[in-house]
Amino acid sequence: MPAMINDRQVFAQFSNHGELRTDPTNCTNQQAHVALAQATDLYEIAQRGGPNCVLRVSIINLLYPVTIDVLHQIFSRFGTVLKIITFTKH
């Protein structure tokens, strides 16, 4: 009987390999490693809350009131919120 997850059939296969290695000469692997290194660096900077961690948010077609508390609740899920400034553009 096949395995089911959330009413979907899944296929599982076990490997006899003790270790899996990638080919470092593969161009796709090199690009992926560079992208991963850059993302890791940016994440570490964001976690420190350095001076370069600025997020500008524009809310268009506002349907519900957006307060500072709402913005803090949303963005604090992704890291430390140091400051929130709001303004209305007419």
Protein backbone atom coordinates (compact mmCIF):
# COMPACT_ATOMS: atom_id res chain seq x y z
CA MET A 1 0.00 0.00 0.00
CA PRO A 2 1.51 3.39 -0.97
CA ALA A 3 2.12 6.05 1.66
CA MET A 4 -0.39 8.91 1.83
CA ILE A 5 0.13 12.41 3.23
CA ASN A 6 -2.78 14.87 3.18
CA ASP A 7 -4.68 12.56 0.83
CA ARG A 8 -1.78 12.56 -1.65
CA GLN A 9 0.29 9.57 -2.61
CA VAL A 10 3.99 9.96 -1.81
CA PHE A 11 6.98 7.86 -2.80
CA ALA A 12 9.79 7.24 -0.34
CA GLN A 13 13.09 5.64 -1.21
CA PHE A 14 15.93 4.86 1.15
CA SER A 15 19.56 5.22 0.13
CA ASN A 16 22.44 2.92 0.97
CA HIS A 17 24.91 5.81 0.69
CA GLY A 18 26.54 6.89 3.93
CA GLU A 19 27.25 10.35 2.51
CA LEU A 20 26.02 12.29 -0.49
CA ARG A 21 28.34 14.70 -2.28
CA THR A 22 27.74 17.30 -4.95
CA ASP A 23 29.98 17.99 -7.91
CA PRO A 24 31.71 21.34 -7.18
CA THR A 25 32.51 21.79 -10.88
CA ASN A 26 28.82 21.89 -11.76
CA CYS A 27 27.93 25.51 -12.63
CA THR A 28 24.45 25.22 -11.09
CA ASN A 29 25.94 24.01 -7.81
CA GLN A 30 28.40 26.91 -7.76
CA GLN A 31 25.62 29.44 -8.33
CA ALA A 32 23.53 27.85 -5.60
CA HIS A 33 26.45 27.95 -3.15
CA VAL A 34 27.10 31.63 -3.91
CA ALA A 35 23.41 32.48 -3.47
CA LEU A 36 23.28 30.55 -0.21
CA ALA A 37 26.38 32.32 1.12
CA GLN A 38 24.92 35.72 0.23
CA ALA A 39 21.58 34.91 1.82
CA THR A 40 23.31 33.66 4.97
CA ASP A 41 25.36 36.86 5.22
CA LEU A 42 22.27 39.05 4.80
CA TYR A 43 20.35 37.02 7.37
CA GLU A 44 23.16 37.38 9.92
CA ILE A 45 23.27 41.15 9.33
CA ALA A 46 19.51 41.36 9.77
CA GLN A 47 19.67 39.38 13.02
CA ARG A 48 22.18 41.87 14.44
CA GLY A 49 19.87 44.73 13.55
CA GLY A 50 22.64 46.77 11.99
CA PRO A 51 22.18 50.21 10.46
CA ASN A 52 21.55 48.71 7.02
CA CYS A 53 18.42 46.86 8.09
CA VAL A 54 15.69 49.12 6.73
CA LEU A 55 12.37 48.01 5.36
CA ARG A 56 10.13 50.42 3.47
CA VAL A 57 6.54 49.26 3.14
CA SER A 58 3.90 50.87 0.93
CA ILE A 59 0.31 49.86 1.57
CA ILE A 60 -1.91 50.33 -1.47
CA ASN A 61 -5.71 49.94 -1.57
CA LEU A 62 -6.03 50.05 2.20
CA LEU A 63 -9.15 48.14 3.25
CA TYR A 64 -8.58 47.91 7.00
CA PRO A 65 -6.89 50.27 9.46
CA VAL A 66 -3.17 49.56 9.76
CA THR A 67 -1.64 50.67 13.05
CA ILE A 68 1.92 50.60 14.34
CA ASP A 69 0.94 47.62 16.50
CA VAL A 70 -0.26 45.69 13.44
CA LEU A 71 2.96 46.43 11.55
CA HIS A 72 5.05 45.41 14.56
CA GLN A 73 3.13 42.17 14.91
CA ILE A 74 3.65 41.30 11.24
CA PHE A 75 7.33 42.19 10.90
CA SER A 76 8.53 41.01 14.32
CA ARG A 77 7.97 37.46 13.07
CA PHE A 78 11.00 37.91 10.84
CA GLY A 79 13.38 39.61 13.26
CA THR A 80 13.83 42.38 15.77
CA VAL A 81 11.91 45.56 14.99
CA LEU A 82 13.90 48.58 16.10
CA LYS A 83 11.71 51.42 14.86
CA ILE A 84 8.51 51.99 12.92
CA ILE A 85 7.68 55.29 11.26
CA THR A 86 4.37 55.82 9.48
CA PHE A 87 3.13 58.57 7.24
CA THR A 88 0.17 59.14 4.98
CA LYS A 89 0.65 60.21 1.39
CA HIS A 90 -2.17 62.29 -0.07
